[in-house]
Amino acid sequence: MRVIWTPQAEQDRADIWDYIAADNPVAAVQMDELFGKAAARLSEHPKMGKPGRVAGTRELIPHESYRMVYEIHGETVWLLVLIHTARQWPPGRR
């Protein structure tokens, strides 16, 4: 299966990199590698994440502090959002 990072997910990943790298560049590299490995695992096992909070999505926790939200369409896994677990997801939910 093919995995594609949407522009939003790519921006989330870059923002996380910048935030972590400001204090610890080595940790930023390690976290980014973790995200990349999680995405690669989804190519082989797309249903490894649990059903998502938004209908039609799934969620994978690659690290206790981050949630990857994705959809499966045919032979493609679309990574939609990479968000800190402390942040409200989905937005506007109470």
PDB file of N, CA and C in Angstrom:
ATOM      1  N   MET A   1       0.834  -1.175   0.000  1.00  0.00           N
ATOM      2  CA  MET A   1       0.000   0.000   0.000  1.00  0.00           C
ATOM      3  C   MET A   1       0.882   1.243   0.000  1.00  0.00           C
ATOM      4  N   ARG A   2       0.398   2.271  -0.623  1.00  0.00           N
ATOM      5  CA  ARG A   2       1.132   3.528  -0.706  1.00  0.00           C
ATOM      6  C   ARG A   2       0.674   4.443   0.433  1.00  0.00           C
ATOM      7  N   VAL A   3       1.607   5.166   1.039  1.00  0.00           N
ATOM      8  CA  VAL A   3       1.296   6.127   2.108  1.00  0.00           C
ATOM      9  C   VAL A   3       1.622   7.528   1.596  1.00  0.00           C
ATOM     10  N   ILE A   4       0.651   8.414   1.710  1.00  0.00           N
ATOM     11  CA  ILE A   4       0.847   9.794   1.273  1.00  0.00           C
ATOM     12  C   ILE A   4       0.545  10.731   2.438  1.00  0.00           C
ATOM     13  N   TRP A   5       1.485  11.612   2.714  1.00  0.00           N
ATOM     14  CA  TRP A   5       1.296  12.655   3.722  1.00  0.00           C
ATOM     15  C   TRP A   5       0.587  13.823   3.040  1.00  0.00           C
ATOM     16  N   THR A   6      -0.562  14.234   3.557  1.00  0.00           N
ATOM     17  CA  THR A   6      -1.239  15.412   3.013  1.00  0.00           C
ATOM     18  C   THR A   6      -0.426  16.652   3.376  1.00  0.00           C
ATOM     19  N   PRO A   7      -0.660  17.767   2.676  1.00  0.00           N
ATOM     20  CA  PRO A   7       0.055  18.995   3.043  1.00  0.00           C
ATOM     21  C   PRO A   7      -0.130  19.363   4.525  1.00  0.00           C
ATOM     22  N   GLN A   8      -1.320  19.154   5.072  1.00  0.00           N
ATOM     23  CA  GLN A   8      -1.551  19.456   6.491  1.00  0.00           C
ATOM     24  C   GLN A   8      -0.677  18.583   7.383  1.00  0.00           C
ATOM     25  N   ALA A   9      -0.625  17.284   7.091  1.00  0.00           N
ATOM     26  CA  ALA A   9       0.197  16.376   7.894  1.00  0.00           C
ATOM     27  C   ALA A   9       1.683  16.704   7.752  1.00  0.00           C
ATOM     28  N   GLU A  10       2.101  17.056   6.545  1.00  0.00           N
ATOM     29  CA  GLU A  10       3.502  17.455   6.353  1.00  0.00           C
ATOM     30  C   GLU A  10       3.829  18.706   7.163  1.00  0.00           C
ATOM     31  N   GLN A  11       2.904  19.663   7.187  1.00  0.00           N
ATOM     32  CA  GLN A  11       3.123  20.883   7.966  1.00  0.00           C
ATOM     33  C   GLN A  11       3.159  20.571   9.456  1.00  0.00           C
ATOM     34  N   ASP A  12       2.259  19.691   9.906  1.00  0.00           N
ATOM     35  CA  ASP A  12       2.264  19.279  11.312  1.00  0.00           C
ATOM     36  C   ASP A  12       3.612  18.669  11.676  1.00  0.00           C
ATOM     37  N   ARG A  13       4.113  17.798  10.806  1.00  0.00           N
ATOM     38  CA  ARG A  13       5.401  17.127  11.051  1.00  0.00           C
ATOM     39  C   ARG A  13       6.534  18.148  11.122  1.00  0.00           C
ATOM     40  N   ALA A  14       6.526  19.115  10.213  1.00  0.00           N
ATOM     41  CA  ALA A  14       7.564  20.155  10.210  1.00  0.00           C
ATOM     42  C   ALA A  14       7.467  21.029  11.464  1.00  0.00           C
ATOM     43  N   ASP A  15       6.248  21.349  11.883  1.00  0.00           N
ATOM     44  CA  ASP A  15       6.063  22.162  13.089  1.00  0.00           C
ATOM     45  C   ASP A  15       6.566  21.433  14.333  1.00  0.00           C
ATOM     46  N   ILE A  16       6.298  20.133  14.398  1.00  0.00           N
ATOM     47  CA  ILE A  16       6.771  19.332  15.531  1.00  0.00           C
ATOM     48  C   ILE A  16       8.302  19.301  15.523  1.00  0.00           C
ATOM     49  N   TRP A  17       8.878  19.094  14.339  1.00  0.00           N
ATOM     50  CA  TRP A  17      10.343  19.113  14.198  1.00  0.00           C
ATOM     51  C   TRP A  17      10.908  20.418  14.747  1.00  0.00           C
ATOM     52  N   ASP A  18      10.362  21.543  14.261  1.00  0.00           N
ATOM     53  CA  ASP A  18      10.870  22.856  14.676  1.00  0.00           C
ATOM     54  C   ASP A  18      10.763  23.047  16.180  1.00  0.00           C
ATOM     55  N   TYR A  19       9.643  22.647  16.747  1.00  0.00           N
ATOM     56  CA  TYR A  19       9.413  22.827  18.182  1.00  0.00           C
ATOM     57  C   TYR A  19      10.425  22.029  19.002  1.00  0.00           C
ATOM     58  N   ILE A  20      10.609  20.769  18.651  1.00  0.00           N
ATOM     59  CA  ILE A  20      11.531  19.917  19.412  1.00  0.00           C
ATOM     60  C   ILE A  20      12.980  20.323  19.164  1.00  0.00           C
ATOM     61  N   ALA A  21      13.307  20.626  17.912  1.00  0.00           N
ATOM     62  CA  ALA A  21      14.692  20.960  17.549  1.00  0.00           C
ATOM     63  C   ALA A  21      15.182  22.238  18.220  1.00  0.00           C
ATOM     64  N   ALA A  22      14.263  23.124  18.575  1.00  0.00           N
ATOM     65  CA  ALA A  22      14.669  24.369  19.236  1.00  0.00           C
ATOM     66  C   ALA A  22      15.394  24.076  20.547  1.00  0.00           C
ATOM     67  N   ASP A  23      15.023  22.985  21.218  1.00  0.00           N
ATOM     68  CA  ASP A  23      15.653  22.614  22.484  1.00  0.00           C
ATOM     69  C   ASP A  23      16.611  21.434  22.359  1.00  0.00           C
ATOM     70  N   ASN A  24      16.303  20.519  21.416  1.00  0.00           N
ATOM     71  CA  ASN A  24      17.071  19.288  21.348  1.00  0.00           C
ATOM     72  C   ASN A  24      17.037  18.720  19.918  1.00  0.00           C
ATOM     73  N   PRO A  25      17.982  19.120  19.074  1.00  0.00           N
ATOM     74  CA  PRO A  25      17.991  18.650  17.685  1.00  0.00           C
ATOM     75  C   PRO A  25      18.059  17.123  17.541  1.00  0.00           C
ATOM     76  N   VAL A  26      18.766  16.464  18.435  1.00  0.00           N
ATOM     77  CA  VAL A  26      18.870  15.004  18.362  1.00  0.00           C
ATOM     78  C   VAL A  26      17.502  14.369  18.620  1.00  0.00           C
ATOM     79  N   ALA A  27      16.772  14.891  19.588  1.00  0.00           N
ATOM     80  CA  ALA A  27      15.431  14.371  19.875  1.00  0.00           C
ATOM     81  C   ALA A  27      14.493  14.618  18.699  1.00  0.00           C
ATOM     82  N   ALA A  28      14.665  15.738  18.007  1.00  0.00           N
ATOM     83  CA  ALA A  28      13.827  16.032  16.838  1.00  0.00           C
ATOM     84  C   ALA A  28      14.060  14.992  15.742  1.00  0.00           C
ATOM     85  N   VAL A  29      15.305  14.635  15.525  1.00  0.00           N
ATOM     86  CA  VAL A  29      15.631  13.605  14.530  1.00  0.00           C
ATOM     87  C   VAL A  29      14.996  12.277  14.935  1.00  0.00           C
ATOM     88  N   GLN A  30      15.143  11.912  16.199  1.00  0.00           N
ATOM     89  CA  GLN A  30      14.593  10.639  16.682  1.00  0.00           C
ATOM     90  C   GLN A  30      13.066  10.598  16.540  1.00  0.00           C
ATOM     91  N   MET A  31      12.401  11.697  16.884  1.00  0.00           N
ATOM     92  CA  MET A  31      10.943  11.735  16.785  1.00  0.00           C
ATOM     93  C   MET A  31      10.510  11.655  15.321  1.00  0.00           C
ATOM     94  N   ASP A  32      11.208  12.377  14.452  1.00  0.00           N
ATOM     95  CA  ASP A  32      10.853  12.345  13.045  1.00  0.00           C
ATOM     96  C   ASP A  32      11.056  10.947  12.456  1.00  0.00           C
ATOM     97  N   GLU A  33      12.112  10.273  12.867  1.00  0.00           N
ATOM     98  CA  GLU A  33      12.330   8.897  12.418  1.00  0.00           C
ATOM     99  C   GLU A  33      11.207   7.989  12.901  1.00  0.00           C
ATOM    100  N   LEU A  34      10.741   8.216  14.110  1.00  0.00           N
ATOM    101  CA  LEU A  34       9.627   7.440  14.657  1.00  0.00           C
ATOM    102  C   LEU A  34       8.372   7.636  13.807  1.00  0.00           C
ATOM    103  N   PHE A  35       8.101   8.880  13.423  1.00  0.00           N
ATOM    104  CA  PHE A  35       6.944   9.157  12.566  1.00  0.00           C
ATOM    105  C   PHE A  35       7.092   8.461  11.213  1.00  0.00           C
ATOM    106  N   GLY A  36       8.280   8.519  10.647  1.00  0.00           N
ATOM    107  CA  GLY A  36       8.522   7.871   9.365  1.00  0.00           C
ATOM    108  C   GLY A  36       8.343   6.356   9.430  1.00  0.00           C
ATOM    109  N   LYS A  37       8.831   5.754  10.509  1.00  0.00           N
ATOM    110  CA  LYS A  37       8.689   4.304  10.679  1.00  0.00           C
ATOM    111  C   LYS A  37       7.227   3.912  10.877  1.00  0.00           C
ATOM    112  N   ALA A  38       6.483   4.729  11.625  1.00  0.00           N
ATOM    113  CA  ALA A  38       5.057   4.448  11.830  1.00  0.00           C
ATOM    114  C   ALA A  38       4.317   4.493  10.497  1.00  0.00           C
ATOM    115  N   ALA A  39       4.624   5.489   9.680  1.00  0.00           N
ATOM    116  CA  ALA A  39       3.993   5.598   8.364  1.00  0.00           C
ATOM    117  C   ALA A  39       4.351   4.395   7.495  1.00  0.00           C
ATOM    118  N   ALA A  40       5.597   3.963   7.565  1.00  0.00           N
ATOM    119  CA  ALA A  40       6.026   2.801   6.784  1.00  0.00           C
ATOM    120  C   ALA A  40       5.289   1.538   7.234  1.00  0.00           C
ATOM    121  N   ARG A  41       5.068   1.387   8.524  1.00  0.00           N
ATOM    122  CA  ARG A  41       4.320   0.229   9.026  1.00  0.00           C
ATOM    123  C   ARG A  41       2.881   0.244   8.509  1.00  0.00           C
ATOM    124  N   LEU A  42       2.317   1.440   8.380  1.00  0.00           N
ATOM    125  CA  LEU A  42       0.955   1.535   7.858  1.00  0.00           C
ATOM    126  C   LEU A  42       0.870   1.041   6.418  1.00  0.00           C
ATOM    127  N   SER A  43       1.946   1.154   5.675  1.00  0.00           N
ATOM    128  CA  SER A  43       1.919   0.661   4.295  1.00  0.00           C
ATOM    129  C   SER A  43       1.737  -0.852   4.258  1.00  0.00           C
ATOM    130  N   GLU A  44       2.225  -1.529   5.267  1.00  0.00           N
ATOM    131  CA  GLU A  44       2.098  -2.986   5.355  1.00  0.00           C
ATOM    132  C   GLU A  44       0.866  -3.425   6.145  1.00  0.00           C
ATOM    133  N   HIS A  45       0.475  -2.630   7.124  1.00  0.00           N
ATOM    134  CA  HIS A  45      -0.635  -2.980   8.017  1.00  0.00           C
ATOM    135  C   HIS A  45      -1.527  -1.751   8.223  1.00  0.00           C
ATOM    136  N   PRO A  46      -2.283  -1.366   7.209  1.00  0.00           N
ATOM    137  CA  PRO A  46      -3.033  -0.110   7.279  1.00  0.00           C
ATOM    138  C   PRO A  46      -4.111  -0.068   8.363  1.00  0.00           C
ATOM    139  N   LYS A  47      -4.572  -1.209   8.810  1.00  0.00           N
ATOM    140  CA  LYS A  47      -5.627  -1.206   9.831  1.00  0.00           C
ATOM    141  C   LYS A  47      -5.076  -1.386  11.242  1.00  0.00           C
ATOM    142  N   MET A  48      -3.761  -1.171  11.409  1.00  0.00           N
ATOM    143  CA  MET A  48      -3.179  -1.353  12.740  1.00  0.00           C
ATOM    144  C   MET A  48      -3.642  -0.282  13.722  1.00  0.00           C
ATOM    145  N   GLY A  49      -4.037   0.883  13.231  1.00  0.00           N
ATOM    146  CA  GLY A  49      -4.566   1.922  14.109  1.00  0.00           C
ATOM    147  C   GLY A  49      -6.010   1.617  14.472  1.00  0.00           C
ATOM    148  N   LYS A  50      -6.483   2.253  15.518  1.00  0.00           N
ATOM    149  CA  LYS A  50      -7.865   2.033  15.947  1.00  0.00           C
ATOM    150  C   LYS A  50      -8.808   2.934  15.137  1.00  0.00           C
ATOM    151  N   PRO A  51     -10.103   2.588  15.098  1.00  0.00           N
ATOM    152  CA  PRO A  51     -11.054   3.483  14.430  1.00  0.00           C
ATOM    153  C   PRO A  51     -10.964   4.882  15.037  1.00  0.00           C
ATOM    154  N   GLY A  52     -11.014   5.884  14.173  1.00  0.00           N
ATOM    155  CA  GLY A  52     -10.826   7.262  14.606  1.00  0.00           C
ATOM    156  C   GLY A  52     -12.069   7.907  15.203  1.00  0.00           C
ATOM    157  N   ARG A  53     -11.870   9.068  15.786  1.00  0.00           N
ATOM    158  CA  ARG A  53     -12.949   9.843  16.364  1.00  0.00           C
ATOM    159  C   ARG A  53     -13.797  10.521  15.293  1.00  0.00           C
ATOM    160  N   VAL A  54     -13.213  10.666  14.102  1.00  0.00           N
ATOM    161  CA  VAL A  54     -13.934  11.210  12.951  1.00  0.00           C
ATOM    162  C   VAL A  54     -14.287  10.023  12.063  1.00  0.00           C
ATOM    163  N   ALA A  55     -15.562   9.939  11.673  1.00  0.00           N
ATOM    164  CA  ALA A  55     -16.023   8.820  10.851  1.00  0.00           C
ATOM    165  C   ALA A  55     -15.137   8.647   9.627  1.00  0.00           C
ATOM    166  N   GLY A  56     -14.773   7.389   9.354  1.00  0.00           N
ATOM    167  CA  GLY A  56     -13.977   7.068   8.181  1.00  0.00           C
ATOM    168  C   GLY A  56     -12.475   7.173   8.376  1.00  0.00           C
ATOM    169  N   THR A  57     -12.057   7.602   9.564  1.00  0.00           N
ATOM    170  CA  THR A  57     -10.619   7.716   9.825  1.00  0.00           C
ATOM    171  C   THR A  57     -10.166   6.626  10.776  1.00  0.00           C
ATOM    172  N   ARG A  58      -8.860   6.501  10.864  1.00  0.00           N
ATOM    173  CA  ARG A  58      -8.223   5.629  11.847  1.00  0.00           C
ATOM    174  C   ARG A  58      -7.152   6.450  12.532  1.00  0.00           C
ATOM    175  N   GLU A  59      -6.724   6.013  13.714  1.00  0.00           N
ATOM    176  CA  GLU A  59      -5.724   6.743  14.485  1.00  0.00           C
ATOM    177  C   GLU A  59      -4.656   5.784  14.992  1.00  0.00           C
ATOM    178  N   LEU A  60      -3.424   6.217  14.845  1.00  0.00           N
ATOM    179  CA  LEU A  60      -2.275   5.456  15.326  1.00  0.00           C
ATOM    180  C   LEU A  60      -1.493   6.355  16.270  1.00  0.00           C
ATOM    181  N   ILE A  61      -1.055   5.805  17.378  1.00  0.00           N
ATOM    182  CA  ILE A  61      -0.249   6.549  18.352  1.00  0.00           C
ATOM    183  C   ILE A  61       1.200   6.072  18.196  1.00  0.00           C
ATOM    184  N   PRO A  62       2.003   6.783  17.384  1.00  0.00           N
ATOM    185  CA  PRO A  62       3.392   6.349  17.184  1.00  0.00           C
ATOM    186  C   PRO A  62       4.286   6.648  18.383  1.00  0.00           C
ATOM    187  N   HIS A  63       3.837   7.570  19.226  1.00  0.00           N
ATOM    188  CA  HIS A  63       4.532   7.974  20.451  1.00  0.00           C
ATOM    189  C   HIS A  63       3.436   8.406  21.408  1.00  0.00           C
ATOM    190  N   GLU A  64       3.643   8.213  22.688  1.00  0.00           N
ATOM    191  CA  GLU A  64       2.583   8.536  23.659  1.00  0.00           C
ATOM    192  C   GLU A  64       2.082   9.975  23.568  1.00  0.00           C
ATOM    193  N   SER A  65       2.859  10.853  22.964  1.00  0.00           N
ATOM    194  CA  SER A  65       2.467  12.262  22.876  1.00  0.00           C
ATOM    195  C   SER A  65       1.874  12.675  21.526  1.00  0.00           C
ATOM    196  N   TYR A  66       1.841  11.762  20.553  1.00  0.00           N
ATOM    197  CA  TYR A  66       1.382  12.148  19.219  1.00  0.00           C
ATOM    198  C   TYR A  66       0.409  11.143  18.627  1.00  0.00           C
ATOM    199  N   ARG A  67      -0.549  11.677  17.879  1.00  0.00           N
ATOM    200  CA  ARG A  67      -1.586  10.887  17.224  1.00  0.00           C
ATOM    201  C   ARG A  67      -1.498  11.151  15.715  1.00  0.00           C
ATOM    202  N   MET A  68      -1.472  10.070  14.922  1.00  0.00           N
ATOM    203  CA  MET A  68      -1.538  10.164  13.466  1.00  0.00           C
ATOM    204  C   MET A  68      -2.962   9.805  13.067  1.00  0.00           C
ATOM    205  N   VAL A  69      -3.615  10.704  12.372  1.00  0.00           N
ATOM    206  CA  VAL A  69      -4.974  10.451  11.892  1.00  0.00           C
ATOM    207  C   VAL A  69      -4.870  10.190  10.399  1.00  0.00           C
ATOM    208  N   TYR A  70      -5.495   9.095   9.959  1.00  0.00           N
ATOM    209  CA  TYR A  70      -5.374   8.725   8.552  1.00  0.00           C
ATOM    210  C   TYR A  70      -6.650   8.088   8.025  1.00  0.00           C
ATOM    211  N   GLU A  71      -6.730   8.041   6.701  1.00  0.00           N
ATOM    212  CA  GLU A  71      -7.824   7.376   5.998  1.00  0.00           C
ATOM    213  C   GLU A  71      -7.227   6.372   5.023  1.00  0.00           C
ATOM    214  N   ILE A  72      -7.992   5.343   4.746  1.00  0.00           N
ATOM    215  CA  ILE A  72      -7.592   4.348   3.757  1.00  0.00           C
ATOM    216  C   ILE A  72      -8.567   4.456   2.589  1.00  0.00           C
ATOM    217  N   HIS A  73      -8.016   4.689   1.403  1.00  0.00           N
ATOM    218  CA  HIS A  73      -8.817   4.733   0.175  1.00  0.00           C
ATOM    219  C   HIS A  73      -8.159   3.819  -0.840  1.00  0.00           C
ATOM    220  N   GLY A  74      -8.809   2.718  -1.124  1.00  0.00           N
ATOM    221  CA  GLY A  74      -8.245   1.767  -2.076  1.00  0.00           C
ATOM    222  C   GLY A  74      -6.899   1.269  -1.599  1.00  0.00           C
ATOM    223  N   GLU A  75      -5.878   1.505  -2.392  1.00  0.00           N
ATOM    224  CA  GLU A  75      -4.521   1.066  -2.057  1.00  0.00           C
ATOM    225  C   GLU A  75      -3.660   2.193  -1.509  1.00  0.00           C
ATOM    226  N   THR A  76      -4.319   3.239  -0.988  1.00  0.00           N
ATOM    227  CA  THR A  76      -3.573   4.391  -0.472  1.00  0.00           C
ATOM    228  C   THR A  76      -3.980   4.715   0.954  1.00  0.00           C
ATOM    229  N   VAL A  77      -2.980   4.950   1.796  1.00  0.00           N
ATOM    230  CA  VAL A  77      -3.189   5.461   3.150  1.00  0.00           C
ATOM    231  C   VAL A  77      -2.877   6.951   3.092  1.00  0.00           C
ATOM    232  N   TRP A  78      -3.849   7.771   3.431  1.00  0.00           N
ATOM    233  CA  TRP A  78      -3.675   9.225   3.450  1.00  0.00           C
ATOM    234  C   TRP A  78      -3.481   9.679   4.878  1.00  0.00           C
ATOM    235  N   LEU A  79      -2.284  10.154   5.211  1.00  0.00           N
ATOM    236  CA  LEU A  79      -2.027  10.713   6.538  1.00  0.00           C
ATOM    237  C   LEU A  79      -2.588  12.131   6.541  1.00  0.00           C
ATOM    238  N   LEU A  80      -3.575  12.360   7.392  1.00  0.00           N
ATOM    239  CA  LEU A  80      -4.303  13.623   7.389  1.00  0.00           C
ATOM    240  C   LEU A  80      -3.754  14.638   8.376  1.00  0.00           C
ATOM    241  N   VAL A  81      -3.473  14.178   9.589  1.00  0.00           N
ATOM    242  CA  VAL A  81      -3.078  15.071  10.678  1.00  0.00           C
ATOM    243  C   VAL A  81      -2.091  14.345  11.579  1.00  0.00           C
ATOM    244  N   LEU A  82      -1.126  15.074  12.083  1.00  0.00           N
ATOM    245  CA  LEU A  82      -0.215  14.593  13.121  1.00  0.00           C
ATOM    246  C   LEU A  82      -0.347  15.608  14.247  1.00  0.00           C
ATOM    247  N   ILE A  83      -0.910  15.179  15.369  1.00  0.00           N
ATOM    248  CA  ILE A  83      -1.287  16.136  16.413  1.00  0.00           C
ATOM    249  C   ILE A  83      -0.857  15.628  17.794  1.00  0.00           C
ATOM    250  N   HIS A  84      -0.501  16.552  18.659  1.00  0.00           N
ATOM    251  CA  HIS A  84      -0.135  16.210  20.035  1.00  0.00           C
ATOM    252  C   HIS A  84      -1.373  15.675  20.740  1.00  0.00           C
ATOM    253  N   THR A  85      -1.200  14.640  21.526  1.00  0.00           N
ATOM    254  CA  THR A  85      -2.342  14.012  22.191  1.00  0.00           C
ATOM    255  C   THR A  85      -3.013  14.922  23.214  1.00  0.00           C
ATOM    256  N   ALA A  86      -2.323  15.954  23.677  1.00  0.00           N
ATOM    257  CA  ALA A  86      -2.929  16.888  24.634  1.00  0.00           C
ATOM    258  C   ALA A  86      -3.869  17.881  23.943  1.00  0.00           C
ATOM    259  N   ARG A  87      -3.763  17.973  22.620  1.00  0.00           N
ATOM    260  CA  ARG A  87      -4.617  18.912  21.880  1.00  0.00           C
ATOM    261  C   ARG A  87      -5.966  18.273  21.583  1.00  0.00           C
ATOM    262  N   GLN A  88      -6.956  19.101  21.484  1.00  0.00           N
ATOM    263  CA  GLN A  88      -8.306  18.634  21.214  1.00  0.00           C
ATOM    264  C   GLN A  88      -8.396  18.076  19.800  1.00  0.00           C
ATOM    265  N   TRP A  89      -8.921  16.865  19.688  1.00  0.00           N
ATOM    266  CA  TRP A  89      -9.155  16.264  18.391  1.00  0.00           C
ATOM    267  C   TRP A  89     -10.468  15.520  18.416  1.00  0.00           C
ATOM    268  N   PRO A  90     -11.320  15.746  17.444  1.00  0.00           N
ATOM    269  CA  PRO A  90     -11.195  16.722  16.369  1.00  0.00           C
ATOM    270  C   PRO A  90     -11.447  18.136  16.890  1.00  0.00           C
ATOM    271  N   PRO A  91     -11.002  19.130  16.150  1.00  0.00           N
ATOM    272  CA  PRO A  91     -11.214  20.522  16.580  1.00  0.00           C
ATOM    273  C   PRO A  91     -12.708  20.784  16.766  1.00  0.00           C
ATOM    274  N   GLY A  92     -13.017  21.550  17.783  1.00  0.00           N
ATOM    275  CA  GLY A  92     -14.407  21.909  18.052  1.00  0.00           C
ATOM    276  C   GLY A  92     -15.180  20.888  18.843  1.00  0.00           C
ATOM    277  N   ARG A  93     -14.588  19.733  19.099  1.00  0.00           N
ATOM    278  CA  ARG A  93     -15.259  18.697  19.884  1.00  0.00           C
ATOM    279  C   ARG A  93     -15.192  19.039  21.353  1.00  0.00           C
ATOM    280  N   ARG A  94     -16.251  18.815  22.062  1.00  0.00           N
ATOM    281  CA  ARG A  94     -16.260  19.095  23.505  1.00  0.00           C
ATOM    282  C   ARG A  94     -16.611  17.873  24.282  1.00  0.00           C
TER     283      ARG A  94
END
